[in-house]
Amino acid sequence: MVLENNVTLLKRKLTERSIADKTFLSRAICVLELPFVVEEDEVNNFFKKCDGGVKYVEITRSGALVFSAAFVEFNKPKGKKKAIDMAWHFVEEFDVIVVSAEDFLEDQIPTREELQENAKSKRGKGCKTQ
């Protein structure tokens, strides 16, 4: 049996969900290089104030002892858009990579340097309360 890494597992899960629900990708983001100790409720709490709130969070751990990966599904596409807009804060707090599910599946993942530059330019913005 071949062990899958976090990226492979996450891609498989996203693909399965998008087949079952054609609108899933329009409401989902991925969080990569998430510290292994972070739990679903912490991710949920961070994004819960985004428009419409969080529908589901799943963290994938493939035996790695340092990093994990997650996807966050929002109740509305507006929640995903707001999460991407305010992801700089999550990037600064946890030093992770946040990307839309579509971009992740197409291997269009920004570098840490690009995310850090984006974070510097967006300080002070965040999700509005519902």
C-alpha atoms as a PDB file:
ATOM      1  CA  MET A   1       0.000   0.000   0.000  1.00  0.00           C
ATOM      2  CA  VAL A   2       1.304   3.447  -0.948  1.00  0.00           C
ATOM      3  CA  LEU A   3       0.858   6.180   1.642  1.00  0.00           C
ATOM      4  CA  GLU A   4      -0.671   9.373   0.322  1.00  0.00           C
ATOM      5  CA  ASN A   5       0.664  12.753   1.381  1.00  0.00           C
ATOM      6  CA  ASN A   6      -1.590  15.566   2.602  1.00  0.00           C
ATOM      7  CA  VAL A   7      -1.804  17.218  -0.820  1.00  0.00           C
ATOM      8  CA  THR A   8      -2.798  13.993  -2.589  1.00  0.00           C
ATOM      9  CA  LEU A   9      -5.374  13.159   0.090  1.00  0.00           C
ATOM     10  CA  LEU A  10      -6.816  16.656  -0.013  1.00  0.00           C
ATOM     11  CA  LYS A  11      -7.082  16.620  -3.810  1.00  0.00           C
ATOM     12  CA  ARG A  12      -8.873  13.279  -3.696  1.00  0.00           C
ATOM     13  CA  LYS A  13     -11.345  14.515  -1.065  1.00  0.00           C
ATOM     14  CA  LEU A  14     -12.044  17.750  -2.951  1.00  0.00           C
ATOM     15  CA  THR A  15     -12.608  15.862  -6.180  1.00  0.00           C
ATOM     16  CA  GLU A  16     -14.998  13.423  -4.486  1.00  0.00           C
ATOM     17  CA  ARG A  17     -16.963  16.263  -2.873  1.00  0.00           C
ATOM     18  CA  SER A  18     -17.143  18.248  -6.117  1.00  0.00           C
ATOM     19  CA  ILE A  19     -18.525  15.218  -7.967  1.00  0.00           C
ATOM     20  CA  ALA A  20     -21.216  14.752  -5.308  1.00  0.00           C
ATOM     21  CA  ASP A  21     -22.035  18.486  -5.115  1.00  0.00           C
ATOM     22  CA  LYS A  22     -21.458  20.511  -8.289  1.00  0.00           C
ATOM     23  CA  THR A  23     -21.418  23.823  -6.362  1.00  0.00           C
ATOM     24  CA  PHE A  24     -18.961  22.661  -3.683  1.00  0.00           C
ATOM     25  CA  LEU A  25     -15.839  24.225  -5.220  1.00  0.00           C
ATOM     26  CA  SER A  26     -17.542  27.626  -5.417  1.00  0.00           C
ATOM     27  CA  ARG A  27     -17.745  27.553  -1.598  1.00  0.00           C
ATOM     28  CA  ALA A  28     -14.410  25.950  -0.592  1.00  0.00           C
ATOM     29  CA  ILE A  29     -10.871  27.005   0.250  1.00  0.00           C
ATOM     30  CA  CYS A  30      -7.765  24.998   1.154  1.00  0.00           C
ATOM     31  CA  VAL A  31      -5.344  25.703   3.966  1.00  0.00           C
ATOM     32  CA  LEU A  32      -1.904  24.174   3.378  1.00  0.00           C
ATOM     33  CA  GLU A  33       1.037  23.706   5.735  1.00  0.00           C
ATOM     34  CA  LEU A  34      -1.272  24.040   8.717  1.00  0.00           C
ATOM     35  CA  PRO A  35       0.536  23.300  12.006  1.00  0.00           C
ATOM     36  CA  PHE A  36      -0.203  19.717  13.015  1.00  0.00           C
ATOM     37  CA  VAL A  37      -1.577  20.807  16.416  1.00  0.00           C
ATOM     38  CA  VAL A  38      -4.339  23.006  14.939  1.00  0.00           C
ATOM     39  CA  GLU A  39      -7.800  21.447  15.229  1.00  0.00           C
ATOM     40  CA  GLU A  40     -10.962  21.851  13.135  1.00  0.00           C
ATOM     41  CA  ASP A  41     -12.646  24.075  15.734  1.00  0.00           C
ATOM     42  CA  GLU A  42      -9.761  26.572  15.586  1.00  0.00           C
ATOM     43  CA  VAL A  43     -10.037  26.814  11.811  1.00  0.00           C
ATOM     44  CA  ASN A  44     -13.822  27.060  12.073  1.00  0.00           C
ATOM     45  CA  ASN A  45     -13.603  29.820  14.689  1.00  0.00           C
ATOM     46  CA  PHE A  46     -11.229  31.821  12.539  1.00  0.00           C
ATOM     47  CA  PHE A  47     -13.490  31.805   9.470  1.00  0.00           C
ATOM     48  CA  LYS A  48     -16.952  31.625  11.081  1.00  0.00           C
ATOM     49  CA  LYS A  49     -17.699  35.342  10.720  1.00  0.00           C
ATOM     50  CA  CYS A  50     -17.290  35.252   6.948  1.00  0.00           C
ATOM     51  CA  ASP A  51     -20.534  35.881   5.056  1.00  0.00           C
ATOM     52  CA  GLY A  52     -22.899  32.987   5.723  1.00  0.00           C
ATOM     53  CA  GLY A  53     -20.559  31.126   8.045  1.00  0.00           C
ATOM     54  CA  VAL A  54     -18.685  27.835   7.794  1.00  0.00           C
ATOM     55  CA  LYS A  55     -20.544  24.703   6.762  1.00  0.00           C
ATOM     56  CA  TYR A  56     -17.732  22.163   7.242  1.00  0.00           C
ATOM     57  CA  VAL A  57     -14.018  21.925   8.071  1.00  0.00           C
ATOM     58  CA  GLU A  58     -11.877  18.869   7.521  1.00  0.00           C
ATOM     59  CA  ILE A  59      -8.196  18.558   8.375  1.00  0.00           C
ATOM     60  CA  THR A  60      -6.148  15.911   6.585  1.00  0.00           C
ATOM     61  CA  ARG A  61      -3.216  14.354   8.393  1.00  0.00           C
ATOM     62  CA  SER A  62      -1.300  11.680   6.532  1.00  0.00           C
ATOM     63  CA  GLY A  63       1.123  10.664   9.221  1.00  0.00           C
ATOM     64  CA  ALA A  64       3.132  13.855   8.942  1.00  0.00           C
ATOM     65  CA  LEU A  65       4.180  15.084  12.340  1.00  0.00           C
ATOM     66  CA  VAL A  66       4.676  18.727  11.426  1.00  0.00           C
ATOM     67  CA  PHE A  67       2.052  19.933   8.929  1.00  0.00           C
ATOM     68  CA  SER A  68      -1.462  19.050   7.911  1.00  0.00           C
ATOM     69  CA  ALA A  69      -3.841  20.375   5.265  1.00  0.00           C
ATOM     70  CA  ALA A  70      -7.504  21.345   5.457  1.00  0.00           C
ATOM     71  CA  PHE A  71     -10.449  22.404   3.422  1.00  0.00           C
ATOM     72  CA  VAL A  72     -13.099  24.794   4.608  1.00  0.00           C
ATOM     73  CA  GLU A  73     -16.544  24.757   3.039  1.00  0.00           C
ATOM     74  CA  PHE A  74     -18.661  27.866   3.484  1.00  0.00           C
ATOM     75  CA  ASN A  75     -22.446  28.025   3.407  1.00  0.00           C
ATOM     76  CA  LYS A  76     -22.316  30.627   0.619  1.00  0.00           C
ATOM     77  CA  PRO A  77     -19.871  31.521  -2.171  1.00  0.00           C
ATOM     78  CA  LYS A  78     -19.667  35.020  -0.602  1.00  0.00           C
ATOM     79  CA  GLY A  79     -18.124  33.396   2.492  1.00  0.00           C
ATOM     80  CA  LYS A  80     -15.388  31.848   0.399  1.00  0.00           C
ATOM     81  CA  LYS A  81     -14.674  35.157  -1.329  1.00  0.00           C
ATOM     82  CA  LYS A  82     -14.434  36.959   2.006  1.00  0.00           C
ATOM     83  CA  ALA A  83     -12.201  34.212   3.420  1.00  0.00           C
ATOM     84  CA  ILE A  84      -9.798  34.554   0.489  1.00  0.00           C
ATOM     85  CA  ASP A  85      -9.831  38.348   0.931  1.00  0.00           C
ATOM     86  CA  MET A  86      -8.972  38.104   4.633  1.00  0.00           C
ATOM     87  CA  ALA A  87      -6.713  35.044   4.483  1.00  0.00           C
ATOM     88  CA  TRP A  88      -3.683  37.288   5.023  1.00  0.00           C
ATOM     89  CA  HIS A  89      -4.523  37.347   8.735  1.00  0.00           C
ATOM     90  CA  PHE A  90      -4.568  33.545   8.921  1.00  0.00           C
ATOM     91  CA  VAL A  91      -1.298  33.488   6.957  1.00  0.00           C
ATOM     92  CA  GLU A  92       0.316  35.856   9.462  1.00  0.00           C
ATOM     93  CA  GLU A  93      -1.028  34.027  12.525  1.00  0.00           C
ATOM     94  CA  PHE A  94      -0.212  30.457  11.463  1.00  0.00           C
ATOM     95  CA  ASP A  95       2.280  30.890   8.561  1.00  0.00           C
ATOM     96  CA  VAL A  96       0.096  28.805   6.221  1.00  0.00           C
ATOM     97  CA  ILE A  97      -0.915  28.916   2.577  1.00  0.00           C
ATOM     98  CA  VAL A  98      -4.583  29.715   1.865  1.00  0.00           C
ATOM     99  CA  VAL A  99      -5.913  29.162  -1.652  1.00  0.00           C
ATOM    100  CA  SER A 100      -9.261  28.626  -3.373  1.00  0.00           C
ATOM    101  CA  ALA A 101     -10.187  24.980  -3.914  1.00  0.00           C
ATOM    102  CA  GLU A 102     -10.203  25.494  -7.698  1.00  0.00           C
ATOM    103  CA  ASP A 103      -6.698  26.950  -7.723  1.00  0.00           C
ATOM    104  CA  PHE A 104      -5.469  24.147  -5.467  1.00  0.00           C
ATOM    105  CA  LEU A 105      -6.853  21.464  -7.782  1.00  0.00           C
ATOM    106  CA  GLU A 106      -5.185  23.233 -10.736  1.00  0.00           C
ATOM    107  CA  ASP A 107      -1.856  23.416  -8.833  1.00  0.00           C
ATOM    108  CA  GLN A 108      -1.958  27.210  -8.828  1.00  0.00           C
ATOM    109  CA  ILE A 109      -0.642  27.654  -5.317  1.00  0.00           C
ATOM    110  CA  PRO A 110       1.009  30.953  -4.362  1.00  0.00           C
ATOM    111  CA  THR A 111       4.457  30.982  -2.807  1.00  0.00           C
ATOM    112  CA  ARG A 112       4.975  32.058   0.798  1.00  0.00           C
ATOM    113  CA  GLU A 113       6.658  35.215  -0.469  1.00  0.00           C
ATOM    114  CA  GLU A 114       3.608  36.142  -2.561  1.00  0.00           C
ATOM    115  CA  LEU A 115       1.312  35.524   0.392  1.00  0.00           C
ATOM    116  CA  GLN A 116       3.479  37.553   2.757  1.00  0.00           C
ATOM    117  CA  GLU A 117       3.556  40.474   0.314  1.00  0.00           C
ATOM    118  CA  ASN A 118      -0.223  40.228  -0.021  1.00  0.00           C
ATOM    119  CA  ALA A 119      -0.556  40.130   3.776  1.00  0.00           C
ATOM    120  CA  LYS A 120       1.516  43.302   4.138  1.00  0.00           C
ATOM    121  CA  SER A 121      -0.712  45.130   1.667  1.00  0.00           C
ATOM    122  CA  LYS A 122      -3.977  44.019   3.305  1.00  0.00           C
ATOM    123  CA  ARG A 123      -3.344  44.545   7.029  1.00  0.00           C
ATOM    124  CA  GLY A 124      -6.351  45.985   8.762  1.00  0.00           C
ATOM    125  CA  LYS A 125      -9.035  44.229   6.708  1.00  0.00           C
ATOM    126  CA  GLY A 126     -11.089  41.246   7.903  1.00  0.00           C
ATOM    127  CA  CYS A 127     -14.400  39.468   7.774  1.00  0.00           C
ATOM    128  CA  LYS A 128     -17.430  41.473   8.698  1.00  0.00           C
ATOM    129  CA  THR A 129     -19.710  40.147  11.374  1.00  0.00           C
ATOM    130  CA  GLN A 130     -23.015  38.716  10.290  1.00  0.00           C
END
